[in-house]
Amino acid sequence: MRFIVHFSRVLIGLLFILSGLIKLNDPTGFSYKLDEYFTVFADDLESEQDSIATTISIDGNYKKSIRAIGKNDSAYSITVSQSPWTYSDSVFSATVNVFNSGSLLFTHRLVADSGSAISDLQVQSYINDNDILDFRTSLAPVEGKPSTAQSEATILEYVKPDSWAVGLFNWLRNYALFMAIFVSWLEAILGFAILIGWQPKFTIWMLILITVFFGFLTLYSWVYDKVTDCGCFGDALPMNPEESFYKNVVIGVFVLLLWFGRKHIKPIFSNSFGVKVLTVLSLLLIGFSLYCKQYLPVVDFLHYSEGTDIRAGMQVPKGERASDHLQTTYLYSAKDGSGATIHVVYDSDKNTFEPKIDYAKWSYDTVLEEKLLAKAYEPPIHDFAFYNAEQDNNYIDDFWLKEKKLLLVLHDVTKSNPKAIKAAREIAKQWTADGNEFWALTASPKEDVEVFRHEYQISEFEFYYGDNTNLKSIIRSNPGLLLITDTSVVKKVWPATRLPKYKKILKKSE
């Protein structure tokens, strides 16, 4: 038993130290993960709201629309808008649209002869069989002038308030960075504490609690398919939730062995000297983490680290699957009204339907089942893109054209470092004057970008839009600057707090 305890002690100590150091090396990245968990918990705990059912009838046409009540809703409004009558193909026509708070619920084309009477339009809305809105409006005849009708109902009494837990998790999001550093420090310091045998009973209890904490997070992620890229070793050793959960189970077994054999754990130092050792280590660990937060991780495990070929990281290696292998079962119904049905299986790899069917006799009904037989290979870099503000054009091919360029990454312009923005403008001005390309990539809404451009009077470069999660994984700084050479190789990265002088960039780009 003594040997097993000492083996477990060394194993657990080193694992916790390694796990803690990796997180302390990238506290910003770990804070992103905690923020994601807090967001998921808050969303999952939100009260399930009732739905509003709205029925609309006109000229024998009937439509029903159902939408969930928003937690911030206080009223439900309906607007009926009729277009002017037009004459074409020997008939008069107009369009009637019904909107709910700007969202189109129903559209109908009116057709009439001159002077024909037009039926009224009726709108009824209810929540759990409780009528909240019921009104009719007369549509303008051909000779009449179209008008807009509106009606609104108060629904505040039907909105279910969220529990205190939702507010708690939303509040914790503000302290994700503090918690990231604290939890990482706690992991590492507990690892040191168990190695030197300081306060075994207390230390093992803390090890049990932190193992249960991470076990719960990974089990939740696995069961509910949330926060799917987790693991105690972060980007250094990515794990899916299932792998990470079983890893925590194994760690838990060794921690329990320490508990049952705690009498064999003898302190290496006296209690007072052990406190001094752990205090010094704590200061060093926290200082190390704050340094990494202020600048960049000392060891960069991200997919855009210096020396990385971005374009190569986006490719699917030869021999790997480029797309998922899916098997989909469809239900087709007979067109002759006999009620007969048939199951048709589509294989995405073979691009075949079995059995073959006569589409003149059978019509598609619904999808019965979809099986994932083999998952496609996902390249390490898969969301790197340069979209325009309308998100309908990706300029990634243009980005590869030049041999060297600078890339400014701002995942959120509203939280960017003002001093760094001014420095980036100067760099961009000199860099483009020398005939080079300067790109800026953000995940902020275009409205925020326009306000940002106006505030800082930015005219030296254009903004492109990318995925927020991907931008955070490019560099742990807002903004951050990357020097790209050989069309797609990351030569150098700089955080907002250490943007270089232009001469240094020129030297690095040679």
Protein backbone atom coordinates (compact mmCIF):
# COMPACT_ATOMS: atom_id res chain seq x y z
CA MET A 1 0.00 0.00 0.00
CA ARG A 2 2.85 2.36 0.83
CA PHE A 3 4.30 1.99 -2.69
CA ILE A 4 0.91 2.58 -4.32
CA VAL A 5 0.37 5.71 -2.23
CA HIS A 6 3.79 7.14 -3.07
CA PHE A 7 3.33 6.33 -6.74
CA SER A 8 -0.09 8.03 -6.73
CA ARG A 9 1.36 10.97 -4.86
CA VAL A 10 4.07 11.59 -7.45
CA LEU A 11 1.72 10.96 -10.39
CA ILE A 12 -1.05 13.23 -9.12
CA GLY A 13 1.38 15.91 -8.02
CA LEU A 14 3.10 16.08 -11.40
CA LEU A 15 -0.21 15.95 -13.33
CA PHE A 16 -1.72 18.80 -11.33
CA ILE A 17 1.44 20.88 -11.64
CA LEU A 18 1.57 20.31 -15.39
CA SER A 19 -2.14 21.03 -15.83
CA GLY A 20 -1.93 24.18 -13.73
CA LEU A 21 1.19 25.48 -15.49
CA ILE A 22 -0.34 24.96 -18.94
CA LYS A 23 -3.42 26.97 -17.91
CA LEU A 24 -1.31 29.65 -16.20
CA ASN A 25 0.67 29.93 -19.42
CA ASP A 26 -2.57 30.87 -21.22
CA PRO A 27 -4.96 32.39 -18.66
CA THR A 28 -6.85 34.31 -21.35
CA GLY A 29 -7.60 31.11 -23.24
CA PHE A 30 -8.80 29.36 -20.08
CA SER A 31 -10.98 32.38 -19.25
CA TYR A 32 -12.62 32.04 -22.68
CA LYS A 33 -13.45 28.45 -21.81
CA LEU A 34 -14.90 29.35 -18.40
CA ASP A 35 -16.91 32.16 -19.98
CA GLU A 36 -18.29 29.64 -22.47
CA TYR A 37 -19.32 27.31 -19.63
CA PHE A 38 -20.99 30.13 -17.69
CA THR A 39 -22.86 31.18 -20.85
CA VAL A 40 -24.03 27.62 -21.48
CA PHE A 41 -25.19 27.17 -17.88
CA ALA A 42 -27.08 30.49 -17.96
CA ASP A 43 -28.75 29.61 -21.26
CA ASP A 44 -29.70 26.11 -20.12
CA LEU A 45 -31.19 27.40 -16.87
CA GLU A 46 -33.29 30.11 -18.47
CA SER A 47 -36.99 29.69 -17.87
CA GLU A 48 -38.80 27.96 -20.70
CA GLN A 49 -41.22 30.52 -22.01
CA ASP A 50 -44.69 29.84 -23.40
CA SER A 51 -45.45 30.44 -27.06
CA ILE A 52 -47.73 32.90 -28.79
CA ALA A 53 -49.92 31.37 -31.49
CA THR A 54 -51.24 33.76 -34.13
CA THR A 55 -53.83 32.88 -36.77
CA ILE A 56 -54.46 35.08 -39.79
CA SER A 57 -57.34 34.67 -42.24
CA ILE A 58 -58.19 36.52 -45.44
CA ASP A 59 -60.13 35.51 -48.56
CA GLY A 60 -60.31 31.92 -47.39
CA ASN A 61 -56.55 31.80 -46.83
CA TYR A 62 -55.47 30.78 -43.37
CA LYS A 63 -52.07 30.76 -41.71
CA LYS A 64 -50.90 29.94 -38.21
CA SER A 65 -47.65 31.20 -36.75
CA ILE A 66 -46.07 30.19 -33.43
CA ARG A 67 -43.21 31.99 -31.73
CA ALA A 68 -41.77 31.76 -28.24
CA ILE A 69 -42.12 34.65 -25.83
CA GLY A 70 -38.84 36.47 -25.33
CA LYS A 71 -37.73 36.94 -21.74
CA ASN A 72 -37.51 40.71 -22.35
CA ASP A 73 -40.85 41.01 -24.14
CA SER A 74 -43.49 43.28 -22.66
CA ALA A 75 -45.87 43.61 -25.61
CA TYR A 76 -46.91 41.75 -28.74
CA SER A 77 -47.67 43.89 -31.77
CA ILE A 78 -49.22 43.16 -35.15
CA THR A 79 -48.97 45.45 -38.16
CA VAL A 80 -51.00 44.97 -41.34
CA SER A 81 -49.65 46.74 -44.41
CA GLN A 82 -51.34 46.87 -47.81
CA SER A 83 -49.51 47.97 -50.96
CA PRO A 84 -51.16 50.30 -53.55
CA TRP A 85 -53.30 48.63 -56.19
CA THR A 86 -51.73 48.06 -59.60
CA TYR A 87 -53.34 47.09 -62.89
CA SER A 88 -51.80 44.32 -64.97
CA ASP A 89 -53.02 41.42 -67.14
CA SER A 90 -56.61 42.77 -66.99
CA VAL A 91 -56.80 42.57 -63.19
CA PHE A 92 -56.08 44.78 -60.21
CA SER A 93 -53.65 43.38 -57.63
CA ALA A 94 -52.15 44.40 -54.28
CA THR A 95 -50.07 42.74 -51.60
CA VAL A 96 -50.99 42.43 -47.94
CA ASN A 97 -48.22 41.79 -45.41
CA VAL A 98 -48.69 41.02 -41.72
CA PHE A 99 -45.72 41.75 -39.45
CA ASN A 100 -44.92 40.94 -35.85
CA SER A 101 -42.41 43.47 -34.49
CA GLY A 102 -40.83 43.79 -37.91
CA SER A 103 -40.83 40.05 -38.71
CA LEU A 104 -43.02 38.96 -41.61
CA LEU A 105 -45.68 36.47 -40.53
CA PHE A 106 -47.96 36.36 -43.56
CA THR A 107 -48.11 37.68 -47.11
CA HIS A 108 -51.04 37.46 -49.52
CA ARG A 109 -51.71 38.74 -53.04
CA LEU A 110 -55.10 40.36 -53.54
CA VAL A 111 -56.70 40.11 -56.97
CA ALA A 112 -59.90 41.99 -57.91
CA ASP A 113 -61.91 43.61 -60.67
CA SER A 114 -62.61 47.31 -60.48
CA GLY A 115 -65.03 48.04 -57.67
CA SER A 116 -64.92 44.52 -56.21
CA ALA A 117 -65.42 44.24 -52.48
CA ILE A 118 -62.49 42.96 -50.46
CA SER A 119 -62.89 40.68 -47.45
CA ASP A 120 -61.75 41.78 -44.04
CA LEU A 121 -58.52 40.45 -42.58
CA GLN A 122 -58.73 38.90 -39.10
CA VAL A 123 -55.85 38.38 -36.70
CA GLN A 124 -56.12 36.37 -33.49
CA SER A 125 -53.32 35.69 -31.02
CA TYR A 126 -53.41 33.60 -27.86
CA ILE A 127 -51.16 32.16 -25.17
CA ASN A 128 -52.21 28.85 -23.59
CA ASP A 129 -55.77 29.33 -24.88
CA ASN A 130 -55.88 32.86 -23.43
CA ASP A 131 -56.83 35.42 -26.08
CA ILE A 132 -54.41 38.34 -26.03
CA LEU A 133 -55.25 39.98 -29.34
CA ASP A 134 -58.22 39.80 -31.70
CA PHE A 135 -58.88 42.42 -34.35
CA ARG A 136 -60.27 42.85 -37.85
CA THR A 137 -59.32 45.42 -40.40
CA SER A 138 -60.97 46.29 -43.68
CA LEU A 139 -58.63 46.26 -46.61
CA ALA A 140 -58.85 49.13 -49.08
CA PRO A 141 -60.91 48.39 -52.22
CA VAL A 142 -59.52 49.13 -55.67
CA GLU A 143 -60.70 52.72 -55.55
CA GLY A 144 -59.53 53.21 -51.98
CA LYS A 145 -56.26 54.39 -50.54
CA PRO A 146 -54.20 51.67 -48.82
CA SER A 147 -53.55 52.17 -45.13
CA THR A 148 -51.67 50.51 -42.30
CA ALA A 149 -53.43 48.94 -39.33
CA GLN A 150 -51.79 48.14 -36.02
CA SER A 151 -52.75 46.42 -32.80
CA GLU A 152 -50.76 45.68 -29.65
CA ALA A 153 -51.32 43.55 -26.58
CA THR A 154 -49.51 43.55 -23.24
CA ILE A 155 -47.90 40.17 -22.46
CA LEU A 156 -45.70 41.07 -19.49
CA GLU A 157 -47.77 38.89 -17.17
CA TYR A 158 -46.97 35.83 -19.29
CA VAL A 159 -43.18 36.30 -19.22
CA LYS A 160 -41.57 33.89 -16.77
CA PRO A 161 -38.67 35.37 -14.80
CA ASP A 162 -35.32 33.57 -14.71
CA SER A 163 -34.06 31.95 -11.53
CA TRP A 164 -31.27 33.45 -9.42
CA ALA A 165 -28.87 30.89 -10.92
CA VAL A 166 -29.11 32.51 -14.36
CA GLY A 167 -28.12 35.87 -12.88
CA LEU A 168 -25.28 34.20 -10.96
CA PHE A 169 -23.72 32.61 -14.03
CA ASN A 170 -24.09 35.79 -16.06
CA TRP A 171 -22.40 37.67 -13.22
CA LEU A 172 -19.58 35.11 -13.05
CA ARG A 173 -18.78 35.81 -16.72
CA ASN A 174 -17.36 39.16 -15.59
CA TYR A 175 -14.83 37.35 -13.42
CA ALA A 176 -13.86 34.55 -15.81
CA LEU A 177 -10.25 35.75 -16.02
CA PHE A 178 -9.85 35.99 -12.25
CA MET A 179 -11.30 32.52 -11.82
CA ALA A 180 -9.09 31.17 -14.61
CA ILE A 181 -5.96 32.34 -12.83
CA PHE A 182 -7.24 31.21 -9.41
CA VAL A 183 -8.22 27.70 -10.52
CA SER A 184 -4.96 27.28 -12.47
CA TRP A 185 -2.92 28.45 -9.47
CA LEU A 186 -4.89 26.13 -7.18
CA GLU A 187 -4.18 23.13 -9.42
CA ALA A 188 -0.46 23.80 -9.55
CA ILE A 189 -0.07 24.63 -5.85
CA LEU A 190 -2.00 21.53 -4.79
CA GLY A 191 0.34 19.47 -6.97
CA PHE A 192 3.35 20.96 -5.18
CA ALA A 193 1.65 20.55 -1.80
CA ILE A 194 1.00 16.81 -2.26
CA LEU A 195 4.57 16.27 -3.48
CA ILE A 196 6.07 17.81 -0.36
CA GLY A 197 3.42 16.20 1.85
CA TRP A 198 2.13 19.49 3.27
CA GLN A 199 -1.09 19.08 5.30
CA PRO A 200 -2.02 15.75 3.59
CA LYS A 201 -5.62 15.60 4.79
CA PHE A 202 -6.47 19.14 3.72
CA THR A 203 -4.55 18.86 0.43
CA ILE A 204 -6.24 15.58 -0.56
CA TRP A 205 -9.67 17.03 0.24
CA MET A 206 -8.91 19.96 -2.06
CA LEU A 207 -7.69 17.55 -4.74
CA ILE A 208 -10.98 15.65 -4.48
CA LEU A 209 -13.02 18.85 -4.79
CA ILE A 210 -11.16 20.14 -7.83
CA THR A 211 -11.32 16.71 -9.49
CA VAL A 212 -15.09 16.61 -8.92
CA PHE A 213 -15.34 20.17 -10.30
CA PHE A 214 -13.60 19.29 -13.56
CA GLY A 215 -15.37 15.95 -13.69
CA PHE A 216 -18.74 17.70 -13.55
CA LEU A 217 -17.78 20.15 -16.31
CA THR A 218 -16.56 17.44 -18.65
CA LEU A 219 -19.53 15.14 -17.92
CA TYR A 220 -21.94 18.00 -18.60
CA SER A 221 -20.14 18.77 -21.86
CA TRP A 222 -20.26 15.13 -22.89
CA VAL A 223 -23.90 14.44 -22.02
CA TYR A 224 -25.32 17.69 -23.41
CA ASP A 225 -22.81 18.16 -26.24
CA LYS A 226 -21.75 21.59 -24.97
CA VAL A 227 -18.25 23.15 -24.94
CA THR A 228 -16.98 20.29 -27.06
CA ASP A 229 -13.26 21.11 -27.01
CA CYS A 230 -12.21 20.81 -23.40
CA GLY A 231 -9.47 19.15 -21.39
CA CYS A 232 -7.21 20.04 -18.50
CA PHE A 233 -4.23 20.46 -20.82
CA GLY A 234 -5.94 23.07 -22.98
CA ASP A 235 -4.57 23.65 -26.47
CA ALA A 236 -1.43 21.72 -25.59
CA LEU A 237 -3.37 18.43 -25.63
CA PRO A 238 -6.94 18.92 -26.90
CA MET A 239 -9.49 16.36 -25.73
CA ASN A 240 -13.14 15.84 -26.50
CA PRO A 241 -15.51 15.81 -23.49
CA GLU A 242 -15.70 12.00 -23.34
CA GLU A 243 -11.91 11.61 -23.25
CA SER A 244 -11.57 14.39 -20.71
CA PHE A 245 -14.26 12.91 -18.45
CA TYR A 246 -12.63 9.47 -18.38
CA LYS A 247 -9.29 11.16 -17.71
CA ASN A 248 -10.85 12.81 -14.65
CA VAL A 249 -12.28 9.45 -13.52
CA VAL A 250 -8.79 7.90 -13.64
CA ILE A 251 -7.35 10.87 -11.74
CA GLY A 252 -10.17 10.52 -9.20
CA VAL A 253 -9.22 6.87 -8.59
CA PHE A 254 -5.63 7.82 -7.77
CA VAL A 255 -6.78 10.71 -5.55
CA LEU A 256 -9.01 8.29 -3.60
CA LEU A 257 -6.04 5.97 -3.17
CA LEU A 258 -4.22 8.91 -1.62
CA TRP A 259 -7.13 9.48 0.76
CA PHE A 260 -7.28 5.90 1.96
CA GLY A 261 -3.50 5.72 2.32
CA ARG A 262 -2.96 9.22 3.69
CA LYS A 263 -1.28 7.87 6.82
CA HIS A 264 1.69 6.90 4.63
CA ILE A 265 2.18 10.49 3.44
CA LYS A 266 4.85 12.17 5.57
CA PRO A 267 5.74 15.87 5.15
CA ILE A 268 9.18 16.58 3.72
CA PHE A 269 9.38 19.95 5.47
CA SER A 270 8.00 21.33 8.70
CA ASN A 271 4.58 22.93 8.43
CA SER A 272 5.91 26.50 8.78
CA PHE A 273 8.67 26.01 6.19
CA GLY A 274 6.18 24.29 3.88
CA VAL A 275 3.96 27.39 4.08
CA LYS A 276 6.92 29.57 3.10
CA VAL A 277 7.77 27.30 0.15
CA LEU A 278 4.18 27.32 -1.10
CA THR A 279 3.90 31.10 -0.61
CA VAL A 280 6.97 31.75 -2.74
CA LEU A 281 5.71 29.32 -5.37
CA SER A 282 2.31 31.03 -5.33
CA LEU A 283 3.86 34.43 -5.99
CA LEU A 284 5.93 33.01 -8.83
CA LEU A 285 2.96 31.19 -10.37
CA ILE A 286 0.62 34.19 -10.20
CA GLY A 287 3.36 36.51 -11.50
CA PHE A 288 3.98 34.12 -14.39
CA SER A 289 0.27 34.03 -15.27
CA LEU A 290 -0.09 37.83 -15.10
CA TYR A 291 2.94 38.17 -17.39
CA CYS A 292 1.32 35.80 -19.91
CA LYS A 293 -1.93 37.75 -19.64
CA GLN A 294 -0.23 41.09 -20.19
CA TYR A 295 1.81 39.89 -23.14
CA LEU A 296 1.42 36.46 -24.77
CA PRO A 297 1.79 32.84 -23.59
CA VAL A 298 5.45 31.97 -23.03
CA VAL A 299 4.82 28.70 -24.87
CA ASP A 300 2.35 29.17 -27.72
CA PHE A 301 0.25 26.04 -28.31
CA LEU A 302 -2.19 27.80 -30.67
CA HIS A 303 -2.56 26.83 -34.32
CA TYR A 304 -1.23 30.22 -35.45
CA SER A 305 2.04 30.16 -33.52
CA GLU A 306 5.25 31.47 -35.08
CA GLY A 307 6.48 29.20 -37.86
CA THR A 308 2.99 27.89 -38.68
CA ASP A 309 1.97 27.59 -42.33
CA ILE A 310 -1.67 28.68 -42.14
CA ARG A 311 -2.66 27.47 -45.59
CA ALA A 312 -1.09 24.04 -44.98
CA GLY A 313 -3.02 23.82 -41.70
CA MET A 314 -6.27 24.29 -43.62
CA GLN A 315 -5.69 21.34 -45.94
CA VAL A 316 -7.09 17.81 -45.59
CA PRO A 317 -4.12 15.38 -45.73
CA LYS A 318 -4.04 12.80 -48.48
CA GLY A 319 -5.88 9.66 -47.44
CA GLU A 320 -8.09 11.46 -44.92
CA ARG A 321 -11.84 11.82 -45.38
CA ALA A 322 -12.86 15.22 -46.77
CA SER A 323 -16.59 14.91 -45.96
CA ASP A 324 -18.81 12.99 -43.55
CA HIS A 325 -20.10 9.58 -44.58
CA LEU A 326 -23.85 9.86 -44.05
CA GLN A 327 -26.64 7.36 -44.49
CA THR A 328 -30.05 9.03 -44.67
CA THR A 329 -33.41 7.25 -44.69
CA TYR A 330 -36.30 9.06 -46.41
CA LEU A 331 -40.00 8.31 -46.37
CA TYR A 332 -41.87 8.49 -49.68
CA SER A 333 -45.66 8.27 -50.06
CA ALA A 334 -47.67 6.91 -52.97
CA LYS A 335 -49.28 9.58 -55.15
CA ASP A 336 -52.34 7.43 -55.89
CA GLY A 337 -53.81 8.07 -52.42
CA SER A 338 -53.52 4.40 -51.37
CA GLY A 339 -51.52 5.33 -48.26
CA ALA A 340 -48.59 3.12 -49.27
CA THR A 341 -45.13 4.25 -48.21
CA ILE A 342 -41.57 3.26 -49.02
CA HIS A 343 -38.23 3.80 -47.27
CA VAL A 344 -35.38 5.06 -49.45
CA VAL A 345 -31.78 5.06 -48.18
CA TYR A 346 -29.26 7.57 -49.52
CA ASP A 347 -25.52 6.83 -49.11
CA SER A 348 -23.39 9.98 -49.36
CA ASP A 349 -20.19 8.09 -50.27
CA LYS A 350 -21.83 6.12 -53.07
CA ASN A 351 -24.18 8.99 -54.00
CA THR A 352 -26.94 6.43 -54.53
CA PHE A 353 -30.57 5.95 -53.52
CA GLU A 354 -31.73 2.43 -52.66
CA PRO A 355 -34.14 1.21 -53.79
CA LYS A 356 -34.65 3.05 -57.06
CA ILE A 357 -38.09 4.66 -57.22
CA ASP A 358 -40.39 6.06 -59.84
CA TYR A 359 -40.89 9.73 -58.94
CA ALA A 360 -44.04 9.80 -61.04
CA LYS A 361 -45.63 7.41 -58.53
CA TRP A 362 -43.95 8.45 -55.28
CA SER A 363 -43.55 11.81 -53.53
CA TYR A 364 -41.09 12.82 -50.82
CA ASP A 365 -42.57 12.95 -47.32
CA THR A 366 -39.93 13.34 -44.60
CA VAL A 367 -36.52 12.29 -43.27
CA LEU A 368 -36.81 9.28 -40.96
CA GLU A 369 -33.22 8.85 -39.83
CA GLU A 370 -29.72 10.15 -40.49
CA LYS A 371 -26.68 8.11 -39.45
CA LEU A 372 -23.10 9.36 -39.30
CA LEU A 373 -21.05 6.36 -40.43
CA ALA A 374 -17.68 8.12 -40.61
CA LYS A 375 -16.72 11.66 -39.61
CA ALA A 376 -14.68 13.85 -41.92
CA TYR A 377 -11.17 14.93 -40.97
CA GLU A 378 -11.21 18.44 -39.54
CA PRO A 379 -8.04 20.43 -40.30
CA PRO A 380 -6.42 22.23 -37.34
CA ILE A 381 -7.31 25.53 -39.02
CA HIS A 382 -10.81 25.51 -40.48
CA ASP A 383 -12.45 28.90 -39.91
CA PHE A 384 -9.83 31.28 -41.30
CA ALA A 385 -11.68 33.63 -43.66
CA PHE A 386 -11.90 37.24 -44.78
CA TYR A 387 -15.55 38.13 -45.40
CA ASN A 388 -16.88 41.49 -46.46
CA ALA A 389 -19.40 43.33 -44.28
CA GLU A 390 -22.32 41.63 -46.04
CA GLN A 391 -20.79 38.20 -45.34
CA ASP A 392 -21.35 37.13 -48.96
CA ASN A 393 -17.79 37.14 -50.28
CA ASN A 394 -14.64 35.53 -48.87
CA TYR A 395 -11.37 37.23 -49.89
CA ILE A 396 -9.10 34.48 -48.59
CA ASP A 397 -7.65 33.83 -52.08
CA ASP A 398 -6.66 37.49 -52.34
CA PHE A 399 -4.96 37.23 -48.95
CA TRP A 400 -2.60 34.52 -50.21
CA LEU A 401 -1.44 36.47 -53.28
CA LYS A 402 1.23 38.69 -51.74
CA GLU A 403 4.47 37.20 -50.45
CA LYS A 404 4.36 39.16 -47.21
CA LYS A 405 1.71 41.14 -45.34
CA LEU A 406 0.66 42.29 -41.89
CA LEU A 407 -2.53 41.07 -40.26
CA LEU A 408 -4.18 43.02 -37.45
CA VAL A 409 -6.62 40.88 -35.43
CA LEU A 410 -9.33 42.57 -33.35
CA HIS A 411 -11.85 40.04 -32.12
CA ASP A 412 -13.87 42.86 -30.50
CA VAL A 413 -13.27 46.45 -31.55
CA THR A 414 -15.18 47.80 -28.53
CA LYS A 415 -12.65 46.18 -26.16
CA SER A 416 -9.48 46.89 -28.12
CA ASN A 417 -6.45 48.67 -26.68
CA PRO A 418 -6.70 52.37 -27.73
CA LYS A 419 -2.95 52.97 -27.56
CA ALA A 420 -2.29 49.93 -29.74
CA ILE A 421 -4.81 51.11 -32.35
CA LYS A 422 -2.93 54.38 -32.78
CA ALA A 423 0.34 52.49 -33.10
CA ALA A 424 -1.21 50.09 -35.62
CA ARG A 425 -2.37 53.01 -37.76
CA GLU A 426 1.18 54.36 -37.94
CA ILE A 427 2.54 50.92 -38.84
CA ALA A 428 -0.12 50.48 -41.52
CA LYS A 429 0.63 53.89 -42.99
CA GLN A 430 4.34 53.17 -43.41
CA TRP A 431 3.84 49.54 -44.43
CA THR A 432 1.37 50.33 -47.23
CA ALA A 433 3.47 53.30 -48.37
CA ASP A 434 6.22 50.77 -49.11
CA GLY A 435 3.83 48.85 -51.36
CA ASN A 436 2.86 46.12 -48.88
CA GLU A 437 -0.58 44.87 -47.85
CA PHE A 438 -2.12 45.50 -44.43
CA TRP A 439 -5.19 43.46 -43.48
CA ALA A 440 -7.51 43.89 -40.50
CA LEU A 441 -9.77 41.07 -39.32
CA THR A 442 -12.55 41.39 -36.76
CA ALA A 443 -15.62 39.53 -35.48
CA SER A 444 -17.46 42.68 -34.40
CA PRO A 445 -20.74 43.71 -36.07
CA LYS A 446 -20.25 46.11 -38.97
CA GLU A 447 -22.18 48.79 -37.05
CA ASP A 448 -19.60 48.67 -34.25
CA VAL A 449 -16.79 48.73 -36.79
CA GLU A 450 -18.15 51.86 -38.45
CA VAL A 451 -18.38 53.65 -35.11
CA PHE A 452 -14.86 52.45 -34.30
CA ARG A 453 -13.46 53.64 -37.63
CA HIS A 454 -15.02 57.06 -37.12
CA GLU A 455 -13.79 57.36 -33.53
CA TYR A 456 -10.16 56.57 -34.42
CA GLN A 457 -10.30 58.15 -37.90
CA ILE A 458 -9.01 54.94 -39.51
CA SER A 459 -8.38 55.25 -43.24
CA GLU A 460 -5.13 53.30 -43.55
CA PHE A 461 -6.76 49.88 -43.93
CA GLU A 462 -10.07 48.12 -44.55
CA PHE A 463 -11.81 45.74 -42.16
CA TYR A 464 -12.73 42.15 -43.00
CA TYR A 465 -14.90 39.85 -40.91
CA GLY A 466 -14.23 36.40 -39.48
CA ASP A 467 -15.37 33.91 -36.86
CA ASN A 468 -15.09 35.16 -33.28
CA THR A 469 -13.86 31.86 -31.81
CA ASN A 470 -11.25 31.51 -34.51
CA LEU A 471 -10.01 35.08 -34.03
CA LYS A 472 -9.54 34.46 -30.31
CA SER A 473 -7.45 31.41 -31.18
CA ILE A 474 -5.18 33.34 -33.56
CA ILE A 475 -3.67 35.52 -30.84
CA ARG A 476 -4.55 36.13 -27.18
CA SER A 477 -4.48 39.89 -27.56
CA ASN A 478 -6.98 42.49 -28.72
CA PRO A 479 -5.60 43.73 -31.01
CA GLY A 480 -2.72 41.52 -32.05
CA LEU A 481 -0.40 41.85 -35.02
CA LEU A 482 0.94 39.04 -37.21
CA LEU A 483 3.68 39.22 -39.81
CA ILE A 484 2.94 36.74 -42.62
CA THR A 485 5.72 35.74 -45.03
CA ASP A 486 6.00 33.16 -47.84
CA THR A 487 2.32 33.97 -48.55
CA SER A 488 0.99 31.99 -45.53
CA VAL A 489 3.68 31.42 -42.87
CA VAL A 490 3.44 33.20 -39.52
CA LYS A 491 6.85 34.81 -39.08
CA LYS A 492 6.18 36.86 -35.95
CA VAL A 493 3.32 37.77 -33.59
CA TRP A 494 3.05 40.83 -31.36
CA PRO A 495 0.48 41.62 -28.64
CA ALA A 496 -1.14 45.02 -28.18
CA THR A 497 1.23 45.76 -25.31
CA ARG A 498 4.36 45.15 -27.43
CA LEU A 499 3.67 46.45 -30.91
CA PRO A 500 7.07 46.94 -32.57
CA LYS A 501 8.69 49.90 -34.24
CA TYR A 502 8.40 49.89 -38.00
CA LYS A 503 12.13 49.26 -38.47
CA LYS A 504 11.85 46.05 -36.46
CA ILE A 505 9.02 44.83 -38.67
CA LEU A 506 11.10 45.51 -41.79
CA LYS A 507 14.01 43.59 -40.31
CA LYS A 508 11.80 40.63 -39.41
CA SER A 509 10.22 40.59 -42.87
CA GLU A 510 13.56 40.28 -44.68
